[in-house]
């Protein structure tokens, strides 16, 4: 089962239920054999800011194109990525597609954002701080930055 990204940025991730041992089977227990049952996979919805969201978003991105090479961040790609994240965050209409049209190299920006995701929450937090330093203003909350990154990557993959 694949990870599904909803339009609100939340992710539906599959969770395989852990196996459990039935201790009520007297005959099996007496013979020293524990019965194991396999439960069907279930799902969980993760929202930006929740534990495991950044990792799930990176996994979702990888599922979109499994043959993609590992993400590599360039200086110009990172600068453009910081600018686009800032502009989307402060934009009243949150226009992702419009901001991406203004990029000189959308692919490099996408790679920079993928590189941020691969680093997990500490990387996203450091990126948010770098955005505030480079673009001015307050630091964007980490969960908001993660959500914007997901929106940008989804738009780039269209």
N, C-alpha and C. Protein backbone atom coordinates (compact mmCIF):
# COMPACT_ATOMS: atom_id res chain seq x y z
N UNK A 1 0.85 -1.18 0.00
CA UNK A 1 0.00 0.00 0.00
C UNK A 1 0.89 1.24 0.00
N UNK A 2 0.58 2.18 -0.85
CA UNK A 2 1.38 3.38 -1.00
C UNK A 2 0.89 4.48 -0.06
N UNK A 3 1.77 5.45 0.17
CA UNK A 3 1.42 6.63 0.95
C UNK A 3 0.60 7.55 0.06
N UNK A 4 -0.47 8.11 0.61
CA UNK A 4 -1.33 9.01 -0.13
C UNK A 4 -1.21 10.39 0.47
N UNK A 5 -0.99 11.40 -0.39
CA UNK A 5 -0.92 12.79 0.06
C UNK A 5 -2.24 13.45 -0.26
N UNK A 6 -2.92 13.95 0.76
CA UNK A 6 -4.19 14.65 0.59
C UNK A 6 -3.94 16.10 0.22
N UNK A 7 -4.97 16.76 -0.31
CA UNK A 7 -4.82 18.15 -0.73
C UNK A 7 -4.51 19.09 0.42
N UNK A 8 -4.89 18.72 1.65
CA UNK A 8 -4.59 19.57 2.80
C UNK A 8 -3.18 19.36 3.34
N UNK A 9 -2.40 18.51 2.68
CA UNK A 9 -1.02 18.25 3.10
C UNK A 9 -0.88 17.04 4.00
N UNK A 10 -1.97 16.53 4.52
CA UNK A 10 -1.88 15.35 5.38
C UNK A 10 -1.51 14.13 4.54
N UNK A 11 -0.93 13.15 5.19
CA UNK A 11 -0.51 11.92 4.53
C UNK A 11 -1.22 10.74 5.15
N UNK A 12 -1.71 9.84 4.32
CA UNK A 12 -2.30 8.59 4.78
C UNK A 12 -1.21 7.54 4.60
N UNK A 13 -0.72 7.01 5.72
CA UNK A 13 0.39 6.06 5.67
C UNK A 13 -0.09 4.70 6.14
N UNK A 14 0.39 3.65 5.48
CA UNK A 14 0.02 2.30 5.92
C UNK A 14 0.77 1.92 7.19
N UNK A 15 0.08 1.23 8.05
CA UNK A 15 0.71 0.72 9.27
C UNK A 15 0.35 -0.75 9.37
N UNK A 16 1.35 -1.57 9.45
CA UNK A 16 1.11 -3.00 9.62
C UNK A 16 0.99 -3.27 11.11
N UNK A 17 -0.14 -3.84 11.48
CA UNK A 17 -0.36 -4.14 12.90
C UNK A 17 0.69 -5.14 13.37
N UNK A 18 1.15 -4.95 14.59
CA UNK A 18 2.14 -5.86 15.14
C UNK A 18 1.50 -7.21 15.42
N UNK A 19 2.31 -8.23 15.25
CA UNK A 19 1.82 -9.57 15.57
C UNK A 19 1.68 -9.68 17.08
N UNK A 20 0.70 -10.42 17.47
CA UNK A 20 0.55 -10.66 18.90
C UNK A 20 0.35 -12.15 19.12
N UNK A 21 0.73 -12.59 20.27
CA UNK A 21 0.66 -14.00 20.61
C UNK A 21 -0.58 -14.24 21.44
N UNK A 22 -1.29 -15.30 21.07
CA UNK A 22 -2.48 -15.64 21.85
C UNK A 22 -2.06 -16.54 23.01
N UNK A 23 -2.22 -16.06 24.19
CA UNK A 23 -1.87 -16.83 25.38
C UNK A 23 -3.02 -17.64 25.92
N UNK A 24 -4.19 -17.51 25.28
CA UNK A 24 -5.38 -18.21 25.76
C UNK A 24 -5.50 -19.61 25.19
N UNK A 25 -4.67 -19.97 24.25
CA UNK A 25 -4.73 -21.29 23.64
C UNK A 25 -4.03 -22.28 24.56
N UNK A 26 -4.77 -23.00 25.36
CA UNK A 26 -4.21 -23.89 26.37
C UNK A 26 -3.44 -25.03 25.73
N UNK A 27 -3.99 -25.64 24.68
CA UNK A 27 -3.30 -26.76 24.05
C UNK A 27 -1.99 -26.31 23.41
N UNK A 28 -2.03 -25.19 22.71
CA UNK A 28 -0.82 -24.68 22.07
C UNK A 28 0.20 -24.26 23.09
N UNK A 29 -0.25 -23.62 24.16
CA UNK A 29 0.66 -23.17 25.21
C UNK A 29 1.28 -24.36 25.91
N UNK A 30 0.49 -25.40 26.12
CA UNK A 30 1.01 -26.59 26.78
C UNK A 30 2.06 -27.27 25.92
N UNK A 31 1.91 -27.19 24.62
CA UNK A 31 2.87 -27.81 23.72
C UNK A 31 4.06 -26.88 23.46
N UNK A 32 4.00 -25.68 24.00
CA UNK A 32 5.10 -24.74 23.82
C UNK A 32 5.03 -24.00 22.50
N UNK A 33 3.89 -24.03 21.87
CA UNK A 33 3.71 -23.38 20.59
C UNK A 33 2.79 -22.18 20.78
N UNK A 34 3.24 -21.04 20.33
CA UNK A 34 2.40 -19.85 20.43
C UNK A 34 1.75 -19.59 19.09
N UNK A 35 0.47 -19.36 19.11
CA UNK A 35 -0.24 -19.06 17.87
C UNK A 35 -0.03 -17.59 17.52
N UNK A 36 0.28 -17.34 16.27
CA UNK A 36 0.46 -15.97 15.82
C UNK A 36 -0.63 -15.63 14.82
N UNK A 37 -1.12 -14.46 14.91
CA UNK A 37 -2.13 -14.03 13.95
C UNK A 37 -1.60 -12.82 13.21
N UNK A 38 -1.88 -12.78 11.94
CA UNK A 38 -1.49 -11.65 11.11
C UNK A 38 -2.70 -10.75 10.95
N UNK A 39 -2.55 -9.52 11.33
CA UNK A 39 -3.63 -8.55 11.17
C UNK A 39 -3.45 -7.84 9.84
N UNK A 40 -4.54 -7.43 9.25
CA UNK A 40 -4.49 -6.69 7.99
C UNK A 40 -3.88 -5.31 8.24
N UNK A 41 -3.16 -4.79 7.25
CA UNK A 41 -2.59 -3.45 7.43
C UNK A 41 -3.69 -2.41 7.66
N UNK A 42 -3.37 -1.43 8.45
CA UNK A 42 -4.29 -0.33 8.69
C UNK A 42 -3.59 0.94 8.23
N UNK A 43 -4.26 2.06 8.32
CA UNK A 43 -3.65 3.32 7.92
C UNK A 43 -3.73 4.31 9.05
N UNK A 44 -2.92 5.34 8.93
CA UNK A 44 -2.91 6.43 9.89
C UNK A 44 -2.73 7.72 9.11
N UNK A 45 -3.41 8.76 9.54
CA UNK A 45 -3.27 10.06 8.90
C UNK A 45 -2.27 10.88 9.71
N UNK A 46 -1.26 11.38 9.02
CA UNK A 46 -0.25 12.24 9.65
C UNK A 46 -0.40 13.65 9.09
N UNK A 47 -0.35 14.62 9.98
CA UNK A 47 -0.43 16.03 9.60
C UNK A 47 0.93 16.68 9.79
N UNK A 48 1.22 17.75 9.03
CA UNK A 48 2.49 18.44 9.22
C UNK A 48 2.70 18.80 10.69
N UNK A 49 3.88 18.51 11.18
CA UNK A 49 4.21 18.81 12.57
C UNK A 49 4.14 17.58 13.46
N UNK A 50 3.45 16.54 13.02
CA UNK A 50 3.37 15.31 13.81
C UNK A 50 4.63 14.49 13.64
N UNK A 51 4.94 13.73 14.66
CA UNK A 51 6.09 12.85 14.59
C UNK A 51 5.97 11.88 13.43
N UNK A 52 7.02 11.76 12.66
CA UNK A 52 7.05 10.85 11.54
C UNK A 52 6.57 11.45 10.23
N UNK A 53 6.02 12.67 10.29
CA UNK A 53 5.48 13.28 9.07
C UNK A 53 6.58 13.55 8.05
N UNK A 54 7.68 14.15 8.48
CA UNK A 54 8.76 14.48 7.54
C UNK A 54 9.30 13.23 6.85
N UNK A 55 9.47 12.18 7.61
CA UNK A 55 9.97 10.93 7.04
C UNK A 55 8.96 10.35 6.05
N UNK A 56 7.67 10.41 6.41
CA UNK A 56 6.63 9.90 5.52
C UNK A 56 6.55 10.73 4.25
N UNK A 57 6.73 12.05 4.37
CA UNK A 57 6.70 12.91 3.19
C UNK A 57 7.89 12.60 2.27
N UNK A 58 9.04 12.36 2.84
CA UNK A 58 10.21 11.98 2.03
C UNK A 58 9.95 10.64 1.34
N UNK A 59 9.32 9.70 2.05
CA UNK A 59 8.99 8.40 1.46
C UNK A 59 7.95 8.56 0.35
N UNK A 60 6.94 9.41 0.58
CA UNK A 60 5.93 9.68 -0.45
C UNK A 60 6.60 10.23 -1.70
N UNK A 61 7.52 11.19 -1.52
CA UNK A 61 8.20 11.79 -2.65
C UNK A 61 8.99 10.73 -3.42
N UNK A 62 9.63 9.83 -2.72
CA UNK A 62 10.39 8.77 -3.36
C UNK A 62 9.46 7.83 -4.13
N UNK A 63 8.27 7.57 -3.57
CA UNK A 63 7.30 6.71 -4.26
C UNK A 63 6.83 7.32 -5.57
N UNK A 64 6.83 8.65 -5.66
CA UNK A 64 6.38 9.31 -6.88
C UNK A 64 7.30 9.01 -8.06
N UNK A 65 8.57 8.81 -7.77
CA UNK A 65 9.54 8.51 -8.81
C UNK A 65 10.65 7.67 -8.19
N UNK A 66 10.44 6.36 -8.10
CA UNK A 66 11.41 5.51 -7.41
C UNK A 66 12.77 5.41 -8.09
N UNK A 67 12.84 5.77 -9.36
CA UNK A 67 14.11 5.70 -10.08
C UNK A 67 14.94 6.98 -9.98
N UNK A 68 14.41 7.97 -9.25
CA UNK A 68 15.11 9.24 -9.11
C UNK A 68 16.41 9.03 -8.33
N UNK A 69 17.43 9.71 -8.76
CA UNK A 69 18.72 9.64 -8.06
C UNK A 69 18.59 10.33 -6.69
N UNK A 70 19.49 10.04 -5.76
CA UNK A 70 19.43 10.71 -4.46
C UNK A 70 19.47 12.23 -4.62
N UNK A 71 18.74 12.91 -3.76
CA UNK A 71 18.64 14.37 -3.84
C UNK A 71 19.99 15.01 -3.56
N UNK A 72 20.31 16.00 -4.40
CA UNK A 72 21.54 16.76 -4.24
C UNK A 72 21.16 18.24 -4.22
N UNK A 73 21.62 18.93 -3.22
CA UNK A 73 21.30 20.35 -3.08
C UNK A 73 22.45 21.19 -3.59
N UNK A 74 22.12 22.14 -4.48
CA UNK A 74 23.12 23.10 -4.95
C UNK A 74 22.87 24.43 -4.25
N UNK A 75 23.85 25.29 -4.25
CA UNK A 75 23.70 26.60 -3.58
C UNK A 75 22.58 27.41 -4.22
N UNK A 76 22.54 27.47 -5.54
CA UNK A 76 21.49 28.27 -6.19
C UNK A 76 20.12 27.62 -6.03
N UNK A 77 20.09 26.31 -6.07
CA UNK A 77 18.82 25.60 -5.86
C UNK A 77 18.28 25.86 -4.46
N UNK A 78 19.17 25.85 -3.48
CA UNK A 78 18.74 26.10 -2.10
C UNK A 78 18.27 27.55 -1.94
N UNK A 79 18.99 28.51 -2.54
CA UNK A 79 18.58 29.91 -2.45
C UNK A 79 17.20 30.12 -3.05
N UNK A 80 16.96 29.54 -4.22
CA UNK A 80 15.65 29.66 -4.84
C UNK A 80 14.59 28.95 -4.01
N UNK A 81 14.93 27.81 -3.45
CA UNK A 81 13.99 27.06 -2.62
C UNK A 81 13.61 27.87 -1.38
N UNK A 82 14.59 28.51 -0.76
CA UNK A 82 14.30 29.34 0.41
C UNK A 82 13.38 30.49 0.03
N UNK A 83 13.65 31.10 -1.11
CA UNK A 83 12.82 32.23 -1.55
C UNK A 83 11.39 31.78 -1.83
N UNK A 84 11.23 30.67 -2.53
CA UNK A 84 9.87 30.22 -2.87
C UNK A 84 9.10 29.80 -1.62
N UNK A 85 9.74 29.16 -0.67
CA UNK A 85 9.06 28.78 0.57
C UNK A 85 8.61 30.02 1.32
N UNK A 86 9.49 31.02 1.39
CA UNK A 86 9.14 32.27 2.07
C UNK A 86 7.96 32.95 1.37
N UNK A 87 8.03 33.06 0.05
CA UNK A 87 6.97 33.74 -0.70
C UNK A 87 5.62 33.03 -0.54
N UNK A 88 5.63 31.71 -0.55
CA UNK A 88 4.38 30.96 -0.36
C UNK A 88 3.85 31.17 1.05
N UNK A 89 4.76 31.19 2.02
CA UNK A 89 4.34 31.34 3.42
C UNK A 89 3.70 32.70 3.68
N UNK A 90 4.20 33.75 3.04
CA UNK A 90 3.67 35.10 3.29
C UNK A 90 2.59 35.51 2.30
N UNK A 91 2.39 34.71 1.27
CA UNK A 91 1.39 35.02 0.25
C UNK A 91 -0.02 34.85 0.81
N UNK A 92 -0.88 35.85 0.61
CA UNK A 92 -2.26 35.72 1.11
C UNK A 92 -3.05 34.63 0.38
N UNK A 93 -2.71 34.37 -0.90
CA UNK A 93 -3.46 33.35 -1.63
C UNK A 93 -2.73 32.00 -1.69
N UNK A 94 -1.54 31.93 -1.11
CA UNK A 94 -0.78 30.68 -1.01
C UNK A 94 -0.61 30.04 -2.39
N UNK A 95 -0.23 30.85 -3.37
CA UNK A 95 -0.17 30.43 -4.77
C UNK A 95 1.13 29.70 -5.09
N UNK A 96 1.12 28.39 -4.97
CA UNK A 96 2.31 27.58 -5.20
C UNK A 96 2.71 27.62 -6.68
N UNK A 97 1.76 27.37 -7.57
CA UNK A 97 2.06 27.31 -9.00
C UNK A 97 2.63 28.64 -9.50
N UNK A 98 2.06 29.74 -9.04
CA UNK A 98 2.53 31.07 -9.46
C UNK A 98 3.97 31.29 -9.02
N UNK A 99 4.31 30.90 -7.81
CA UNK A 99 5.67 31.09 -7.31
C UNK A 99 6.67 30.20 -8.05
N UNK A 100 6.23 29.01 -8.44
CA UNK A 100 7.14 28.12 -9.15
C UNK A 100 7.44 28.63 -10.56
N UNK A 101 6.50 29.33 -11.16
CA UNK A 101 6.73 29.90 -12.49
C UNK A 101 7.87 30.91 -12.48
N UNK A 102 8.08 31.56 -11.35
CA UNK A 102 9.12 32.59 -11.25
C UNK A 102 10.52 32.01 -11.04
N UNK A 103 10.62 30.72 -10.81
CA UNK A 103 11.93 30.10 -10.55
C UNK A 103 12.74 29.97 -11.83
N UNK A 104 14.03 30.25 -11.74
CA UNK A 104 14.93 30.07 -12.87
C UNK A 104 15.19 28.58 -13.11
N UNK A 105 15.30 27.79 -12.02
CA UNK A 105 15.59 26.37 -12.14
C UNK A 105 14.73 25.59 -11.14
N UNK A 106 13.48 25.29 -11.51
CA UNK A 106 12.59 24.57 -10.59
C UNK A 106 13.13 23.21 -10.15
N UNK A 107 13.82 22.53 -11.06
CA UNK A 107 14.36 21.21 -10.71
C UNK A 107 15.39 21.30 -9.59
N UNK A 108 16.28 22.29 -9.67
CA UNK A 108 17.29 22.47 -8.62
C UNK A 108 16.65 22.82 -7.29
N UNK A 109 15.59 23.63 -7.34
CA UNK A 109 14.88 23.98 -6.11
C UNK A 109 14.19 22.76 -5.52
N UNK A 110 13.59 21.95 -6.38
CA UNK A 110 12.95 20.71 -5.91
C UNK A 110 13.95 19.77 -5.27
N UNK A 111 15.11 19.64 -5.91
CA UNK A 111 16.15 18.78 -5.34
C UNK A 111 16.62 19.29 -3.98
N UNK A 112 16.75 20.61 -3.86
CA UNK A 112 17.16 21.19 -2.58
C UNK A 112 16.12 20.88 -1.50
N UNK A 113 14.84 20.98 -1.86
CA UNK A 113 13.78 20.70 -0.88
C UNK A 113 13.73 19.21 -0.54
N UNK A 114 13.97 18.35 -1.50
CA UNK A 114 14.03 16.91 -1.22
C UNK A 114 15.19 16.62 -0.26
N UNK A 115 16.30 17.31 -0.48
CA UNK A 115 17.47 17.14 0.37
C UNK A 115 17.14 17.55 1.81
N UNK A 116 16.37 18.62 1.96
CA UNK A 116 15.95 19.07 3.30
C UNK A 116 15.10 17.97 3.96
N UNK A 117 14.15 17.42 3.21
CA UNK A 117 13.27 16.39 3.78
C UNK A 117 14.03 15.16 4.24
N UNK A 118 15.00 14.74 3.46
CA UNK A 118 15.76 13.54 3.79
C UNK A 118 16.44 13.69 5.14
N UNK A 119 16.80 14.91 5.51
CA UNK A 119 17.45 15.16 6.80
C UNK A 119 16.50 15.11 7.98
N UNK A 120 15.21 14.99 7.73
CA UNK A 120 14.23 14.88 8.82
C UNK A 120 13.95 16.21 9.49
N UNK A 121 13.34 16.14 10.64
CA UNK A 121 12.89 17.33 11.35
C UNK A 121 14.01 18.32 11.67
N UNK A 122 15.20 17.88 12.13
CA UNK A 122 16.26 18.86 12.40
C UNK A 122 16.66 19.63 11.14
N UNK A 123 16.65 18.97 10.01
CA UNK A 123 17.00 19.63 8.76
C UNK A 123 15.95 20.65 8.36
N UNK A 124 14.67 20.31 8.52
CA UNK A 124 13.59 21.23 8.19
C UNK A 124 13.63 22.44 9.12
N UNK A 125 13.92 22.21 10.40
CA UNK A 125 14.01 23.30 11.37
C UNK A 125 15.17 24.25 11.01
N UNK A 126 16.31 23.69 10.64
CA UNK A 126 17.45 24.51 10.24
C UNK A 126 17.14 25.27 8.95
N UNK A 127 16.44 24.62 8.02
CA UNK A 127 16.05 25.28 6.78
C UNK A 127 15.13 26.45 7.08
N UNK A 128 14.18 26.27 7.99
CA UNK A 128 13.27 27.36 8.37
C UNK A 128 14.05 28.55 8.93
N UNK A 129 15.05 28.26 9.74
CA UNK A 129 15.88 29.33 10.29
C UNK A 129 16.67 30.04 9.18
N UNK A 130 17.18 29.26 8.22
CA UNK A 130 17.91 29.84 7.10
C UNK A 130 17.00 30.72 6.24
N UNK A 131 15.75 30.30 6.06
CA UNK A 131 14.79 31.09 5.29
C UNK A 131 14.57 32.44 5.97
N UNK A 132 14.37 32.41 7.29
CA UNK A 132 14.14 33.66 8.04
C UNK A 132 15.36 34.58 7.93
N UNK A 133 16.54 34.02 8.02
CA UNK A 133 17.76 34.82 7.93
C UNK A 133 17.94 35.41 6.52
N UNK A 134 17.69 34.60 5.51
CA UNK A 134 17.91 35.05 4.14
C UNK A 134 16.81 35.98 3.63
N UNK A 135 15.58 35.73 4.03
CA UNK A 135 14.45 36.48 3.50
C UNK A 135 13.92 37.54 4.45
N UNK A 136 14.34 37.48 5.70
CA UNK A 136 13.84 38.43 6.70
C UNK A 136 12.53 37.94 7.31
N UNK A 137 12.15 38.59 8.36
CA UNK A 137 10.90 38.21 9.03
C UNK A 137 11.10 37.11 10.06
N UNK A 138 9.99 36.67 10.60
CA UNK A 138 10.02 35.62 11.62
C UNK A 138 10.27 34.26 10.98
N UNK A 139 10.79 33.36 11.80
CA UNK A 139 11.01 31.99 11.33
C UNK A 139 9.66 31.32 11.11
N UNK A 140 9.51 30.66 10.00
CA UNK A 140 8.29 29.91 9.69
C UNK A 140 8.28 28.67 10.58
N UNK A 141 7.14 28.36 11.21
CA UNK A 141 7.10 27.13 12.02
C UNK A 141 7.47 25.91 11.17
N UNK A 142 8.15 24.98 11.79
CA UNK A 142 8.66 23.81 11.08
C UNK A 142 7.55 23.05 10.38
N UNK A 143 6.40 22.87 11.04
CA UNK A 143 5.32 22.10 10.40
C UNK A 143 4.77 22.83 9.18
N UNK A 144 4.78 24.16 9.21
CA UNK A 144 4.33 24.94 8.05
C UNK A 144 5.34 24.82 6.91
N UNK A 145 6.61 24.87 7.24
CA UNK A 145 7.65 24.70 6.23
C UNK A 145 7.52 23.33 5.57
N UNK A 146 7.32 22.31 6.36
CA UNK A 146 7.17 20.95 5.83
C UNK A 146 5.96 20.86 4.90
N UNK A 147 4.86 21.47 5.31
CA UNK A 147 3.66 21.43 4.47
C UNK A 147 3.91 22.15 3.14
N UNK A 148 4.57 23.28 3.18
CA UNK A 148 4.87 24.03 1.95
C UNK A 148 5.80 23.21 1.05
N UNK A 149 6.80 22.57 1.64
CA UNK A 149 7.70 21.73 0.86
C UNK A 149 6.91 20.64 0.14
N UNK A 150 5.98 20.02 0.85
CA UNK A 150 5.14 18.99 0.24
C UNK A 150 4.32 19.53 -0.92
N UNK A 151 3.77 20.72 -0.75
CA UNK A 151 2.97 21.34 -1.81
C UNK A 151 3.84 21.66 -3.02
N UNK A 152 5.03 22.17 -2.78
CA UNK A 152 5.94 22.50 -3.87
C UNK A 152 6.32 21.23 -4.63
N UNK A 153 6.68 20.18 -3.90
CA UNK A 153 7.08 18.93 -4.56
C UNK A 153 5.93 18.32 -5.33
N UNK A 154 4.71 18.38 -4.78
CA UNK A 154 3.54 17.86 -5.48
C UNK A 154 3.31 18.64 -6.78
N UNK A 155 3.46 19.94 -6.72
CA UNK A 155 3.28 20.77 -7.92
C UNK A 155 4.37 20.50 -8.95
N UNK A 156 5.60 20.31 -8.51
CA UNK A 156 6.69 20.03 -9.44
C UNK A 156 6.51 18.67 -10.11
N UNK A 157 5.90 17.71 -9.41
CA UNK A 157 5.72 16.37 -9.97
C UNK A 157 4.53 16.24 -10.91
N UNK A 158 3.77 17.33 -11.07
CA UNK A 158 2.61 17.28 -11.98
C UNK A 158 3.05 17.16 -13.41
